[in-house]
N, C-alpha and C. Protein backbone atom coordinates (compact mmCIF):
# COMPACT_ATOMS: atom_id res chain seq x y z
N UNK A 1 18.64 -5.82 -7.66
CA UNK A 1 19.39 -4.38 -7.81
C UNK A 1 20.10 -4.07 -6.56
N UNK A 2 21.11 -3.62 -6.65
CA UNK A 2 22.10 -3.31 -5.53
C UNK A 2 21.39 -2.14 -4.66
N UNK A 3 21.81 -1.93 -3.51
CA UNK A 3 21.15 -0.96 -2.54
C UNK A 3 21.64 0.38 -2.94
N UNK A 4 22.65 0.51 -3.53
CA UNK A 4 23.19 1.83 -4.01
C UNK A 4 22.67 2.25 -5.32
N UNK A 5 22.03 1.52 -6.10
CA UNK A 5 21.53 1.73 -7.45
C UNK A 5 20.30 2.79 -7.33
N UNK A 6 20.32 3.66 -8.33
CA UNK A 6 19.16 4.58 -8.28
C UNK A 6 17.86 3.78 -8.68
N UNK A 7 16.84 4.27 -7.98
CA UNK A 7 15.40 3.60 -8.29
C UNK A 7 15.15 3.66 -9.84
N UNK A 8 14.56 2.56 -10.40
CA UNK A 8 14.23 2.66 -11.89
C UNK A 8 12.75 2.83 -11.87
N UNK A 9 12.45 4.33 -12.00
CA UNK A 9 10.99 4.65 -11.90
C UNK A 9 10.79 5.89 -12.90
N UNK A 10 9.55 6.13 -13.19
CA UNK A 10 9.30 7.28 -14.12
C UNK A 10 7.81 7.61 -13.81
N UNK A 11 7.61 9.00 -14.16
CA UNK A 11 6.34 9.59 -14.01
C UNK A 11 6.02 10.33 -15.08
N UNK A 12 4.95 10.17 -15.77
CA UNK A 12 4.71 10.88 -17.17
C UNK A 12 3.20 11.22 -17.26
N UNK A 13 2.96 12.38 -17.84
CA UNK A 13 1.60 12.74 -18.21
C UNK A 13 1.33 13.10 -19.68
N UNK A 14 0.24 12.72 -20.18
CA UNK A 14 -0.05 13.09 -21.57
C UNK A 14 -1.47 13.50 -21.75
N UNK A 15 -1.62 14.67 -22.29
CA UNK A 15 -3.01 15.39 -22.46
C UNK A 15 -3.27 15.55 -23.91
N UNK A 16 -4.26 15.13 -24.44
CA UNK A 16 -4.76 15.31 -25.70
C UNK A 16 -6.29 15.97 -25.65
N UNK A 17 -6.74 16.06 -26.81
CA UNK A 17 -8.17 16.49 -26.75
C UNK A 17 -9.11 15.28 -26.45
N UNK A 18 -8.41 14.08 -26.38
CA UNK A 18 -9.41 12.85 -26.36
C UNK A 18 -9.13 12.30 -25.00
N UNK A 19 -7.94 12.39 -24.30
CA UNK A 19 -7.58 11.74 -23.07
C UNK A 19 -6.68 12.64 -22.13
N UNK A 20 -6.59 12.35 -20.88
CA UNK A 20 -5.70 12.92 -19.97
C UNK A 20 -5.14 11.79 -19.26
N UNK A 21 -3.86 11.40 -19.32
CA UNK A 21 -3.41 10.22 -18.72
C UNK A 21 -2.03 10.48 -18.04
N UNK A 22 -2.09 9.90 -16.71
CA UNK A 22 -0.85 10.06 -15.96
C UNK A 22 -0.48 8.75 -15.46
N UNK A 23 0.87 8.30 -15.52
CA UNK A 23 1.25 7.04 -15.15
C UNK A 23 2.60 7.28 -14.18
N UNK A 24 2.66 6.57 -13.30
CA UNK A 24 3.81 6.36 -12.43
C UNK A 24 4.30 4.83 -12.32
N UNK A 25 5.42 4.57 -12.77
CA UNK A 25 5.94 3.13 -12.58
C UNK A 25 7.24 3.10 -11.83
N UNK A 26 7.37 1.98 -11.03
CA UNK A 26 8.62 1.62 -10.45
C UNK A 26 8.86 0.20 -10.77
N UNK A 27 9.92 -0.05 -11.44
CA UNK A 27 10.20 -1.30 -11.99
C UNK A 27 10.60 -2.35 -11.02
N UNK A 28 11.26 -1.89 -9.98
CA UNK A 28 11.74 -2.70 -8.81
C UNK A 28 10.69 -2.54 -7.48
N UNK A 29 9.51 -2.92 -7.92
CA UNK A 29 8.46 -2.73 -6.89
C UNK A 29 7.97 -4.01 -6.20
N UNK A 30 6.79 -3.89 -5.66
CA UNK A 30 6.30 -5.08 -4.93
C UNK A 30 4.98 -5.57 -5.51
N UNK A 31 4.58 -4.90 -6.63
CA UNK A 31 3.24 -5.25 -7.17
C UNK A 31 2.10 -4.53 -6.66
N UNK A 32 2.32 -3.43 -6.05
CA UNK A 32 1.36 -2.42 -5.65
C UNK A 32 0.73 -1.70 -6.66
N UNK A 33 -0.64 -1.33 -6.82
CA UNK A 33 -1.15 -0.66 -7.95
C UNK A 33 -2.34 0.16 -7.41
N UNK A 34 -2.45 1.26 -8.03
CA UNK A 34 -3.67 2.17 -7.98
C UNK A 34 -4.07 2.49 -9.39
N UNK A 35 -5.18 1.98 -9.96
CA UNK A 35 -5.43 2.19 -11.30
C UNK A 35 -6.87 2.67 -11.51
N UNK A 36 -7.24 3.59 -12.21
CA UNK A 36 -8.41 4.30 -12.49
C UNK A 36 -8.58 4.64 -13.98
N UNK A 37 -9.06 3.87 -14.84
CA UNK A 37 -9.10 4.50 -16.24
C UNK A 37 -10.42 4.63 -16.66
N UNK A 38 -11.57 4.23 -15.94
CA UNK A 38 -12.96 4.42 -16.22
C UNK A 38 -13.41 3.17 -17.02
N UNK A 39 -12.46 2.29 -17.20
CA UNK A 39 -12.97 0.95 -17.88
C UNK A 39 -12.51 -0.31 -16.87
N UNK A 40 -13.60 -0.80 -16.15
CA UNK A 40 -13.33 -1.65 -15.09
C UNK A 40 -12.49 -2.82 -15.39
N UNK A 41 -12.79 -3.53 -16.60
CA UNK A 41 -12.12 -4.70 -16.88
C UNK A 41 -10.61 -4.47 -17.29
N UNK A 42 -10.37 -3.25 -17.89
CA UNK A 42 -9.06 -2.81 -18.08
C UNK A 42 -8.30 -2.57 -16.85
N UNK A 43 -8.81 -2.07 -15.89
CA UNK A 43 -8.15 -1.76 -14.63
C UNK A 43 -7.91 -3.11 -13.98
N UNK A 44 -8.73 -3.89 -14.05
CA UNK A 44 -8.29 -5.33 -13.66
C UNK A 44 -7.12 -5.97 -14.34
N UNK A 45 -7.06 -5.73 -15.54
CA UNK A 45 -6.01 -6.39 -16.34
C UNK A 45 -4.58 -5.63 -16.16
N UNK A 46 -4.53 -4.32 -15.95
CA UNK A 46 -3.46 -3.62 -15.64
C UNK A 46 -3.00 -3.94 -14.13
N UNK A 47 -3.95 -4.15 -13.22
CA UNK A 47 -3.59 -4.73 -11.92
C UNK A 47 -2.81 -6.09 -12.04
N UNK A 48 -3.26 -6.91 -12.84
CA UNK A 48 -2.52 -8.14 -13.02
C UNK A 48 -1.14 -7.80 -13.61
N UNK A 49 -0.85 -7.00 -14.46
CA UNK A 49 0.48 -6.67 -14.94
C UNK A 49 1.26 -6.23 -13.88
N UNK A 50 0.80 -5.30 -13.04
CA UNK A 50 1.57 -4.82 -11.88
C UNK A 50 1.90 -5.94 -10.78
N UNK A 51 0.96 -6.76 -10.53
CA UNK A 51 1.06 -7.72 -9.57
C UNK A 51 1.93 -8.78 -9.94
N UNK A 52 1.90 -9.30 -11.14
CA UNK A 52 2.72 -10.43 -11.66
C UNK A 52 3.90 -9.82 -12.02
N UNK A 53 4.10 -8.71 -12.44
CA UNK A 53 5.36 -8.02 -12.95
C UNK A 53 6.24 -7.36 -11.79
N UNK A 54 5.45 -7.48 -10.60
CA UNK A 54 6.36 -6.88 -9.51
C UNK A 54 6.72 -5.27 -9.74
N UNK A 55 5.59 -4.78 -10.43
CA UNK A 55 5.80 -3.30 -10.77
C UNK A 55 4.97 -2.45 -9.80
N UNK A 56 5.31 -1.40 -9.28
CA UNK A 56 4.58 -0.48 -8.49
C UNK A 56 3.94 0.49 -9.63
N UNK A 57 2.64 0.48 -9.84
CA UNK A 57 2.00 1.21 -10.77
C UNK A 57 0.88 2.00 -10.42
N UNK A 58 0.81 3.28 -10.84
CA UNK A 58 -0.29 4.09 -10.72
C UNK A 58 -0.67 4.68 -12.04
N UNK A 59 -1.97 4.42 -12.44
CA UNK A 59 -2.50 5.02 -13.61
C UNK A 59 -3.81 5.63 -13.51
N UNK A 60 -3.75 6.94 -13.79
CA UNK A 60 -5.13 7.73 -13.92
C UNK A 60 -5.33 8.07 -15.28
N UNK A 61 -6.53 7.83 -15.67
CA UNK A 61 -7.00 8.25 -16.96
C UNK A 61 -8.39 8.70 -17.13
N UNK A 62 -8.39 9.91 -17.80
CA UNK A 62 -9.76 10.38 -18.23
C UNK A 62 -9.90 10.46 -19.74
N UNK A 63 -10.99 9.85 -20.13
CA UNK A 63 -11.03 9.85 -21.58
C UNK A 63 -12.40 9.91 -22.22
N UNK A 64 -12.54 10.01 -23.52
CA UNK A 64 -13.85 10.21 -24.06
C UNK A 64 -14.58 8.88 -24.20
N UNK A 65 -14.95 8.37 -22.90
CA UNK A 65 -15.71 6.96 -22.89
C UNK A 65 -17.13 7.01 -23.35
N UNK A 66 -17.66 8.24 -23.58
CA UNK A 66 -18.99 8.43 -24.20
C UNK A 66 -18.93 8.02 -25.59
N UNK A 67 -17.75 7.99 -26.25
CA UNK A 67 -17.61 7.47 -27.65
C UNK A 67 -17.38 5.99 -27.65
N UNK A 68 -16.27 5.57 -26.91
CA UNK A 68 -15.87 4.30 -26.76
C UNK A 68 -14.60 4.15 -25.91
N UNK A 69 -14.06 3.15 -25.79
CA UNK A 69 -12.89 2.85 -24.88
C UNK A 69 -11.59 2.97 -25.65
N UNK A 70 -11.69 3.11 -26.99
CA UNK A 70 -10.34 3.14 -27.88
C UNK A 70 -9.35 4.01 -27.38
N UNK A 71 -9.67 5.24 -27.35
CA UNK A 71 -8.71 6.22 -27.07
C UNK A 71 -7.99 6.04 -25.77
N UNK A 72 -8.93 5.74 -24.65
CA UNK A 72 -8.40 5.62 -23.42
C UNK A 72 -7.36 4.47 -23.37
N UNK A 73 -7.88 3.29 -23.86
CA UNK A 73 -6.90 2.06 -23.80
C UNK A 73 -5.68 2.26 -24.42
N UNK A 74 -5.73 2.76 -25.61
CA UNK A 74 -4.63 3.00 -26.55
C UNK A 74 -3.70 4.16 -25.85
N UNK A 75 -4.15 5.14 -25.51
CA UNK A 75 -3.43 6.20 -24.80
C UNK A 75 -2.58 5.69 -23.46
N UNK A 76 -3.31 4.83 -22.68
CA UNK A 76 -2.69 4.33 -21.63
C UNK A 76 -1.55 3.54 -21.92
N UNK A 77 -1.71 2.77 -23.07
CA UNK A 77 -0.56 1.93 -23.66
C UNK A 77 0.64 2.72 -24.09
N UNK A 78 0.32 3.93 -24.56
CA UNK A 78 1.36 4.91 -25.13
C UNK A 78 2.16 5.46 -23.87
N UNK A 79 1.34 5.84 -22.88
CA UNK A 79 2.09 6.49 -21.72
C UNK A 79 2.85 5.49 -20.89
N UNK A 80 2.08 4.27 -20.65
CA UNK A 80 2.76 3.29 -19.90
C UNK A 80 4.17 2.83 -20.65
N UNK A 81 4.05 2.67 -21.92
CA UNK A 81 5.22 2.22 -22.62
C UNK A 81 6.36 3.24 -22.46
N UNK A 82 6.05 4.52 -22.55
CA UNK A 82 6.98 5.52 -22.53
C UNK A 82 7.65 5.58 -20.98
N UNK A 83 6.77 5.29 -20.09
CA UNK A 83 7.09 5.38 -18.67
C UNK A 83 8.11 4.17 -18.41
N UNK A 84 7.77 3.02 -18.88
CA UNK A 84 8.73 1.84 -18.64
C UNK A 84 9.99 2.03 -19.50
N UNK A 85 9.84 2.56 -20.76
CA UNK A 85 11.12 2.97 -21.50
C UNK A 85 11.92 3.85 -20.75
N UNK A 86 11.40 4.91 -20.11
CA UNK A 86 12.27 5.93 -19.35
C UNK A 86 12.81 5.39 -18.11
N UNK A 87 12.03 4.60 -17.54
CA UNK A 87 12.43 3.85 -16.16
C UNK A 87 13.69 2.95 -16.51
N UNK A 88 13.59 2.29 -17.67
CA UNK A 88 14.87 1.40 -17.94
C UNK A 88 16.14 2.17 -18.33
N UNK A 89 16.10 3.32 -18.48
CA UNK A 89 17.43 4.09 -18.75
C UNK A 89 17.99 3.39 -20.04
N UNK A 90 19.45 3.28 -19.83
CA UNK A 90 20.16 2.73 -21.02
C UNK A 90 20.08 1.23 -21.26
N UNK A 91 19.29 0.65 -20.27
CA UNK A 91 19.11 -0.89 -20.43
C UNK A 91 20.36 -1.64 -19.90
N UNK A 92 21.27 -1.07 -19.23
CA UNK A 92 22.57 -1.71 -18.76
C UNK A 92 22.06 -2.71 -17.78
N UNK A 93 22.87 -3.81 -17.72
CA UNK A 93 22.77 -4.90 -16.60
C UNK A 93 21.45 -5.61 -16.45
N UNK A 94 20.57 -5.59 -17.54
CA UNK A 94 19.16 -6.32 -17.45
C UNK A 94 19.35 -7.64 -18.05
N UNK A 95 18.46 -8.42 -17.72
CA UNK A 95 18.26 -9.90 -18.46
C UNK A 95 17.94 -9.69 -19.84
N UNK A 96 17.14 -8.74 -20.17
CA UNK A 96 16.86 -8.37 -21.59
C UNK A 96 15.55 -9.27 -22.12
N UNK A 97 15.64 -10.49 -21.98
CA UNK A 97 14.50 -11.37 -22.43
C UNK A 97 13.74 -11.97 -21.39
N UNK A 98 12.59 -12.05 -21.62
CA UNK A 98 11.53 -12.79 -20.69
C UNK A 98 10.54 -13.49 -21.32
N UNK A 99 10.08 -14.53 -20.60
CA UNK A 99 8.82 -15.43 -21.32
C UNK A 99 8.07 -15.85 -20.15
N UNK A 100 6.85 -16.19 -20.39
CA UNK A 100 5.95 -16.75 -19.42
C UNK A 100 4.74 -17.50 -20.24
N UNK A 101 4.42 -18.75 -19.71
CA UNK A 101 3.21 -19.33 -20.27
C UNK A 101 2.33 -19.57 -19.01
N UNK A 102 1.36 -18.84 -19.11
CA UNK A 102 0.27 -18.68 -17.96
C UNK A 102 -1.16 -19.36 -18.21
N UNK A 103 -1.39 -20.34 -17.41
CA UNK A 103 -2.78 -20.80 -17.40
C UNK A 103 -3.81 -20.05 -16.69
N UNK A 104 -5.06 -19.94 -17.12
CA UNK A 104 -6.13 -19.40 -16.47
C UNK A 104 -7.37 -20.51 -16.78
N UNK A 105 -7.55 -21.36 -15.82
CA UNK A 105 -8.50 -22.33 -16.09
C UNK A 105 -8.28 -23.02 -17.56
N UNK A 106 -9.16 -22.97 -18.41
CA UNK A 106 -9.02 -23.70 -19.66
C UNK A 106 -8.15 -22.83 -20.65
N UNK A 107 -7.90 -21.70 -20.34
CA UNK A 107 -7.01 -20.83 -21.27
C UNK A 107 -5.49 -21.10 -20.86
N UNK A 108 -4.68 -20.85 -22.04
CA UNK A 108 -3.27 -20.98 -21.77
C UNK A 108 -2.64 -19.95 -22.82
N UNK A 109 -1.82 -19.06 -22.35
CA UNK A 109 -1.37 -18.09 -23.18
C UNK A 109 0.17 -17.87 -22.90
N UNK A 110 0.99 -17.76 -23.98
CA UNK A 110 2.36 -17.56 -23.89
C UNK A 110 2.67 -16.06 -24.21
N UNK A 111 3.69 -15.49 -23.59
CA UNK A 111 4.10 -14.08 -23.74
C UNK A 111 5.70 -14.18 -23.69
N UNK A 112 6.37 -13.60 -24.83
CA UNK A 112 7.74 -13.41 -24.70
C UNK A 112 8.10 -12.05 -25.11
N UNK A 113 8.98 -11.58 -24.36
CA UNK A 113 9.41 -10.10 -24.55
C UNK A 113 10.97 -10.04 -24.76
N UNK A 114 11.34 -8.99 -25.42
CA UNK A 114 12.81 -8.56 -25.73
C UNK A 114 12.85 -7.16 -25.59
N UNK A 115 13.68 -6.65 -24.62
CA UNK A 115 13.83 -5.18 -24.31
C UNK A 115 14.99 -4.85 -25.48
N UNK A 116 14.43 -4.77 -26.60
CA UNK A 116 15.32 -4.78 -28.02
C UNK A 116 15.57 -3.28 -28.30
N UNK A 117 14.86 -2.39 -27.89
CA UNK A 117 14.98 -0.95 -28.39
C UNK A 117 14.12 -0.90 -29.63
N UNK A 118 13.46 -1.93 -30.11
CA UNK A 118 12.73 -1.95 -31.34
C UNK A 118 11.30 -2.30 -31.03
N UNK A 119 10.48 -1.25 -31.00
CA UNK A 119 9.05 -1.68 -30.50
C UNK A 119 8.20 -2.43 -31.48
N UNK A 120 7.82 -3.48 -31.21
CA UNK A 120 7.08 -4.46 -31.93
C UNK A 120 6.05 -5.26 -31.17
N UNK A 121 4.81 -5.42 -31.78
CA UNK A 121 3.86 -6.41 -30.93
C UNK A 121 3.33 -7.32 -32.03
N UNK A 122 3.47 -8.63 -31.75
CA UNK A 122 2.75 -9.71 -32.41
C UNK A 122 1.71 -10.36 -31.75
N UNK A 123 0.37 -10.21 -31.83
CA UNK A 123 -0.58 -10.66 -30.94
C UNK A 123 -1.54 -11.68 -31.66
N UNK A 124 -1.69 -12.84 -31.12
CA UNK A 124 -2.40 -13.92 -31.54
C UNK A 124 -3.42 -14.29 -30.63
N UNK A 125 -4.53 -13.56 -30.41
CA UNK A 125 -5.54 -13.99 -29.27
C UNK A 125 -6.91 -14.05 -30.01
N UNK A 126 -7.53 -15.11 -29.73
CA UNK A 126 -8.96 -15.47 -30.29
C UNK A 126 -10.01 -15.04 -29.31
N UNK A 127 -10.54 -13.82 -29.32
CA UNK A 127 -11.50 -13.33 -28.46
C UNK A 127 -12.95 -13.86 -28.93
N UNK A 128 -13.54 -14.54 -28.14
CA UNK A 128 -14.95 -15.23 -28.55
C UNK A 128 -15.92 -14.26 -28.50
N UNK A 129 -15.79 -13.28 -27.44
CA UNK A 129 -16.80 -12.18 -27.20
C UNK A 129 -16.39 -10.99 -27.65
N UNK A 130 -17.24 -10.11 -28.00
CA UNK A 130 -16.63 -8.79 -28.47
C UNK A 130 -16.43 -7.86 -27.28
N UNK A 131 -16.96 -7.96 -26.18
CA UNK A 131 -16.77 -7.18 -25.06
C UNK A 131 -16.68 -7.92 -23.74
N UNK A 132 -15.96 -7.61 -22.78
CA UNK A 132 -15.92 -8.20 -21.44
C UNK A 132 -16.12 -6.92 -20.58
N UNK A 133 -17.29 -6.87 -19.96
CA UNK A 133 -17.77 -5.63 -19.34
C UNK A 133 -17.62 -4.37 -20.24
N UNK A 134 -17.06 -3.45 -19.88
CA UNK A 134 -16.98 -2.10 -20.78
C UNK A 134 -15.76 -2.09 -21.70
N UNK A 135 -15.03 -3.34 -21.76
CA UNK A 135 -13.83 -3.45 -22.58
C UNK A 135 -14.05 -4.14 -23.83
N UNK A 136 -13.82 -3.39 -24.97
CA UNK A 136 -13.90 -4.17 -26.22
C UNK A 136 -12.65 -4.85 -26.46
N UNK A 137 -12.87 -6.24 -26.57
CA UNK A 137 -11.85 -7.22 -26.70
C UNK A 137 -10.87 -7.03 -27.83
N UNK A 138 -11.18 -6.23 -28.85
CA UNK A 138 -10.24 -5.82 -30.06
C UNK A 138 -9.23 -4.86 -29.51
N UNK A 139 -9.37 -4.28 -28.34
CA UNK A 139 -8.47 -3.32 -27.76
C UNK A 139 -7.35 -4.04 -27.18
N UNK A 140 -7.28 -5.21 -26.86
CA UNK A 140 -6.14 -5.84 -26.16
C UNK A 140 -4.95 -5.88 -27.16
N UNK A 141 -5.08 -6.19 -28.38
CA UNK A 141 -3.97 -6.18 -29.28
C UNK A 141 -3.50 -4.60 -29.60
N UNK A 142 -4.45 -3.67 -29.43
CA UNK A 142 -4.15 -2.19 -29.69
C UNK A 142 -3.41 -1.70 -28.49
N UNK A 143 -3.77 -2.23 -27.28
CA UNK A 143 -2.96 -1.68 -26.00
C UNK A 143 -1.49 -2.27 -26.10
N UNK A 144 -1.42 -3.61 -26.44
CA UNK A 144 -0.04 -4.25 -26.52
C UNK A 144 0.74 -3.54 -27.68
N UNK A 145 0.18 -3.16 -28.87
CA UNK A 145 0.96 -2.53 -29.88
C UNK A 145 1.52 -1.09 -29.41
N UNK A 146 0.61 -0.20 -28.83
CA UNK A 146 0.91 0.94 -28.20
C UNK A 146 1.91 0.87 -27.22
N UNK A 147 1.76 -0.17 -26.27
CA UNK A 147 2.70 -0.26 -25.12
C UNK A 147 4.19 -0.77 -25.76
N UNK A 148 4.16 -1.72 -26.55
CA UNK A 148 5.44 -2.26 -27.14
C UNK A 148 6.27 -1.18 -27.83
N UNK A 149 5.55 -0.45 -28.74
CA UNK A 149 6.04 0.48 -29.58
C UNK A 149 6.87 1.58 -28.84
N UNK A 150 5.94 2.06 -27.71
CA UNK A 150 6.43 3.18 -26.99
C UNK A 150 7.67 2.83 -25.96
N UNK A 151 7.57 1.63 -25.38
CA UNK A 151 8.63 1.15 -24.65
C UNK A 151 9.93 0.77 -25.38
N UNK A 152 9.80 0.48 -26.60
CA UNK A 152 10.92 -0.03 -27.29
C UNK A 152 11.17 -1.51 -26.96
N UNK A 153 10.12 -2.21 -26.81
CA UNK A 153 10.14 -3.65 -26.38
C UNK A 153 9.31 -4.43 -27.52
N UNK A 154 10.00 -5.48 -27.93
CA UNK A 154 9.30 -6.54 -28.73
C UNK A 154 8.38 -7.43 -27.87
N UNK A 155 7.11 -7.61 -28.18
CA UNK A 155 6.22 -8.42 -27.44
C UNK A 155 5.54 -9.44 -28.30
N UNK A 156 5.66 -10.59 -28.00
CA UNK A 156 4.91 -11.70 -28.67
C UNK A 156 3.86 -12.31 -27.75
N UNK A 157 2.47 -12.33 -28.08
CA UNK A 157 1.57 -13.01 -27.30
C UNK A 157 0.88 -13.93 -28.10
N UNK A 158 0.68 -15.12 -27.63
CA UNK A 158 0.13 -16.27 -28.46
C UNK A 158 -0.81 -17.03 -27.47
N UNK A 159 -2.07 -17.14 -27.82
CA UNK A 159 -3.02 -18.05 -27.25
C UNK A 159 -2.86 -19.51 -27.59
N UNK A 160 -2.68 -20.37 -26.64
CA UNK A 160 -2.29 -21.77 -27.04
C UNK A 160 -3.59 -22.56 -26.77
N UNK A 161 -4.45 -22.07 -25.70
CA UNK A 161 -5.78 -22.71 -25.48
C UNK A 161 -6.70 -21.70 -24.97
N UNK A 162 -7.97 -22.12 -24.92
CA UNK A 162 -9.00 -21.31 -24.14
C UNK A 162 -10.13 -20.91 -25.08
N UNK A 163 -11.30 -20.87 -24.37
CA UNK A 163 -12.60 -20.58 -25.10
C UNK A 163 -13.30 -19.36 -24.37
N UNK A 164 -13.02 -19.23 -23.03
CA UNK A 164 -13.63 -18.15 -22.29
C UNK A 164 -12.69 -16.81 -22.36
N UNK A 165 -13.32 -15.80 -23.02
CA UNK A 165 -12.66 -14.59 -23.41
C UNK A 165 -12.06 -13.78 -22.18
N UNK A 166 -12.83 -13.80 -21.16
CA UNK A 166 -12.24 -13.21 -19.83
C UNK A 166 -10.95 -14.04 -19.43
N UNK A 167 -10.96 -15.39 -19.50
CA UNK A 167 -9.86 -16.26 -19.00
C UNK A 167 -8.59 -15.94 -20.06
N UNK A 168 -8.84 -15.95 -21.26
CA UNK A 168 -7.81 -15.71 -22.22
C UNK A 168 -7.16 -14.39 -22.08
N UNK A 169 -8.00 -13.37 -21.93
CA UNK A 169 -7.17 -12.01 -21.70
C UNK A 169 -6.51 -11.84 -20.40
N UNK A 170 -7.15 -12.52 -19.31
CA UNK A 170 -6.54 -12.50 -18.05
C UNK A 170 -5.22 -13.17 -18.13
N UNK A 171 -5.25 -14.42 -18.74
CA UNK A 171 -3.90 -15.13 -18.86
C UNK A 171 -3.01 -14.29 -19.66
N UNK A 172 -3.32 -13.57 -20.69
CA UNK A 172 -2.34 -12.74 -21.49
C UNK A 172 -1.86 -11.72 -20.66
N UNK A 173 -2.64 -10.99 -19.93
CA UNK A 173 -1.90 -9.74 -19.16
C UNK A 173 -1.17 -10.30 -18.01
N UNK A 174 -1.51 -11.44 -17.47
CA UNK A 174 -0.72 -11.91 -16.31
C UNK A 174 0.72 -12.41 -17.05
N UNK A 175 0.64 -13.04 -18.19
CA UNK A 175 1.85 -13.62 -18.96
C UNK A 175 2.69 -12.35 -19.16
N UNK A 176 2.06 -11.22 -19.62
CA UNK A 176 2.90 -10.07 -19.99
C UNK A 176 3.62 -9.48 -18.68
N UNK A 177 2.89 -9.44 -17.57
CA UNK A 177 3.57 -9.08 -16.27
C UNK A 177 4.75 -9.97 -15.90
N UNK A 178 4.64 -11.29 -16.02
CA UNK A 178 5.62 -12.22 -15.71
C UNK A 178 6.82 -12.05 -16.59
N UNK A 179 6.56 -12.03 -17.90
CA UNK A 179 7.51 -11.83 -18.95
C UNK A 179 8.39 -10.59 -18.81
N UNK A 180 7.74 -9.42 -18.51
CA UNK A 180 8.31 -8.08 -18.22
C UNK A 180 9.21 -8.28 -16.92
N UNK A 181 8.76 -8.84 -15.97
CA UNK A 181 9.47 -9.10 -14.68
C UNK A 181 10.74 -9.61 -14.89
N UNK A 182 10.75 -10.67 -15.75
CA UNK A 182 11.99 -11.45 -16.06
C UNK A 182 12.93 -10.64 -16.82
N UNK A 183 12.28 -9.78 -17.87
CA UNK A 183 13.16 -9.28 -18.84
C UNK A 183 13.93 -8.00 -18.39
N UNK A 184 13.19 -7.28 -17.38
CA UNK A 184 13.75 -6.08 -16.83
C UNK A 184 14.65 -6.17 -15.60
N UNK A 185 14.62 -7.44 -15.22
CA UNK A 185 15.35 -7.80 -13.83
C UNK A 185 16.88 -7.60 -13.96
N UNK A 186 17.52 -6.92 -13.10
CA UNK A 186 18.95 -6.73 -13.11
C UNK A 186 19.61 -8.09 -12.86
N UNK A 187 20.63 -8.21 -13.72
CA UNK A 187 21.58 -9.41 -13.75
C UNK A 187 22.73 -9.22 -12.98
N UNK A 188 23.19 -10.10 -12.17
CA UNK A 188 24.55 -9.95 -11.54
C UNK A 188 25.53 -10.28 -12.56
N UNK A 189 25.38 -10.98 -13.55
CA UNK A 189 26.43 -11.42 -14.54
C UNK A 189 26.48 -10.48 -15.76
N UNK A 190 25.35 -9.85 -16.13
CA UNK A 190 25.47 -9.02 -17.28
C UNK A 190 26.27 -7.68 -16.99
N UNK A 191 27.28 -7.32 -17.82
CA UNK A 191 27.97 -6.21 -17.75
C UNK A 191 27.64 -5.22 -18.80
N UNK A 192 27.13 -4.13 -18.52
CA UNK A 192 26.83 -3.18 -19.60
C UNK A 192 25.52 -3.54 -20.36
N UNK A 193 25.20 -3.02 -21.68
CA UNK A 193 24.06 -3.27 -22.25
C UNK A 193 24.10 -4.73 -22.82
N UNK A 194 23.08 -5.62 -22.68
CA UNK A 194 23.10 -6.99 -23.16
C UNK A 194 22.87 -7.00 -24.67
N UNK A 195 23.78 -6.47 -25.46
CA UNK A 195 23.64 -6.56 -26.92
C UNK A 195 25.26 -6.42 -27.46
N UNK A 196 25.35 -7.22 -28.61
CA UNK A 196 26.58 -7.32 -29.27
C UNK A 196 26.88 -5.74 -29.91
N UNK A 197 25.89 -5.05 -30.12
CA UNK A 197 25.94 -3.81 -30.66
C UNK A 197 26.35 -2.76 -29.59
N UNK A 198 26.17 -3.10 -28.37
CA UNK A 198 26.64 -2.12 -27.37
C UNK A 198 25.49 -1.06 -27.07
N UNK A 199 24.46 -1.30 -27.69
CA UNK A 199 23.38 -0.25 -27.42
C UNK A 199 22.00 -0.94 -27.74
N UNK A 200 20.85 -0.57 -27.06
CA UNK A 200 19.59 -1.03 -27.25
C UNK A 200 18.69 0.13 -27.62
């Protein structure tokens, strides 16, 4: 990003009867994060997205965790997706596509993203355990779906190997960060929106 370009950042808040979520994101960051959702493992995963995506990310969430973590995790995905979409603006001059294959010990996970304007998530993860800490593993696909839909980004996540659920999920979130970092990166060669349609 040129020194004269406006910072690509957004700050959003969403309040419902179930959750109160605030998110601040800077796409051209250094990977710094401050994340508090009340779900420790989920905080850990979002920290990986920020660190490996070089996003500066602040997430504050209060939800009805006395019921379960579903509303909190899904709603963070919604607001984070909206914030990333807003920070991207009209998508001019970005690489658009990104991919990463990330190992975590015996686990290996692929993530490919397209800043397409069409939110879609296709997730193939085999979680052996139902929970990791306070995080229900079935919420990983729900988070990805909410994030992708609200960001207008196509996200494919596929487990290639792995038996330890923690390792599989950590590889997936790291891969998401790396793929996003590549896709949203400014390109010196791309002029305008990277689409034959002229709009994303």
